C-alpha cells in the first residue's frame, strides 16, 4: 500500500496539471506497478485524502484529485 501511495504522490508532484482524474492517477501507478488493482489505487488515494496530502475537487459533474497546496485546488 505504501508503494502505491508513493507512486500517487510522485505522479501528483510531477504532473503539469494541478487537478487530475482517477483514471490518470491509476495509469501512472500502473506504469510503476502493472499488477495493481484499481481498488487498491482507490484505497491508497482515499488514505492520502484522509491525511490531507491530496484533496478532492468537484466540478459538479465529476470529481478530480489534486495535491494539497498546488495550484488552485483550495476552496477560497
Protein backbone atom coordinates (compact mmCIF):
# COMPACT_ATOMS: atom_id res chain seq x y z
CA UNK A 1 0.00 0.00 0.00
CA UNK A 2 2.83 2.41 0.83
CA UNK A 3 4.36 1.88 -2.62
CA UNK A 4 1.06 2.80 -4.25
CA UNK A 5 0.72 5.90 -2.08
CA UNK A 6 4.26 6.98 -3.01
CA UNK A 7 3.53 6.44 -6.72
CA UNK A 8 0.39 8.59 -6.44
CA UNK A 9 2.25 11.40 -4.67
CA UNK A 10 5.09 11.26 -7.19
CA UNK A 11 2.60 11.48 -10.07
CA UNK A 12 0.80 14.40 -8.43
CA UNK A 13 4.03 16.30 -7.81
CA UNK A 14 5.39 15.78 -11.33
CA UNK A 15 2.10 16.37 -13.12
CA UNK A 16 1.86 19.61 -15.10
CA UNK A 17 -1.83 19.77 -14.22
CA UNK A 18 -2.98 20.77 -10.75
CA UNK A 19 -6.11 18.59 -10.96
CA UNK A 20 -6.38 15.11 -12.41
CA UNK A 21 -8.88 12.32 -12.84
CA UNK A 22 -8.72 8.99 -11.02
CA UNK A 23 -8.03 7.23 -14.34
CA UNK A 24 -4.93 9.38 -14.92
CA UNK A 25 -3.69 8.58 -11.45
CA UNK A 26 -4.40 4.88 -11.92
CA UNK A 27 -2.48 4.80 -15.25
CA UNK A 28 0.52 6.48 -13.61
CA UNK A 29 0.55 3.89 -10.80
CA UNK A 30 0.24 1.03 -13.30
CA UNK A 31 3.33 2.27 -15.16
CA UNK A 32 5.29 1.61 -11.97
CA UNK A 33 3.30 -1.40 -10.72
CA UNK A 34 1.47 -3.12 -13.62
CA UNK A 35 -0.31 -5.70 -11.44
CA UNK A 36 -2.01 -3.25 -9.07
CA UNK A 37 -5.82 -3.30 -8.99
CA UNK A 38 -7.95 -0.16 -9.30
CA UNK A 39 -9.45 -0.87 -5.87
CA UNK A 40 -6.01 -0.67 -4.25
CA UNK A 41 -5.29 2.64 -6.01
CA UNK A 42 -8.63 3.97 -4.76
CA UNK A 43 -7.86 2.89 -1.17
CA UNK A 44 -4.42 4.50 -1.31
CA UNK A 45 -5.87 7.74 -2.72
CA UNK A 46 -8.54 7.79 -0.01
CA UNK A 47 -5.93 7.36 2.70
CA UNK A 48 -3.94 10.28 1.23
CA UNK A 49 -7.10 12.40 1.25
CA UNK A 50 -7.75 11.45 4.88
CA UNK A 51 -4.20 12.56 5.71
CA UNK A 52 -4.85 15.80 3.76
CA UNK A 53 -1.99 15.21 1.31
CA UNK A 54 -4.47 15.03 -1.57
CA UNK A 55 -7.79 16.82 -1.86
CA UNK A 56 -10.97 16.28 -3.85
CA UNK A 57 -12.02 18.86 -6.40
CA UNK A 58 -15.60 18.61 -7.57
CA UNK A 59 -16.76 20.27 -10.78
CA UNK A 60 -20.35 19.33 -10.07
CA UNK A 61 -20.46 16.52 -12.60
CA UNK A 62 -17.16 14.82 -11.84
CA UNK A 63 -14.65 14.53 -9.04
CA UNK A 64 -11.00 15.21 -9.58
CA UNK A 65 -7.99 14.93 -7.31
CA UNK A 66 -5.32 17.49 -6.55
CA UNK A 67 -2.18 17.78 -4.49
CA UNK A 68 -2.94 19.93 -1.45
CA UNK A 69 -1.36 23.36 -1.83
CA UNK A 70 -0.52 23.00 -5.54
CA UNK A 71 -2.34 25.33 -7.91
CA UNK A 72 -5.93 26.43 -7.43
CA UNK A 73 -7.16 23.32 -5.70
CA UNK A 74 -8.16 25.03 -2.46
CA UNK A 75 -11.71 26.29 -1.96
CA UNK A 76 -11.29 30.04 -1.36
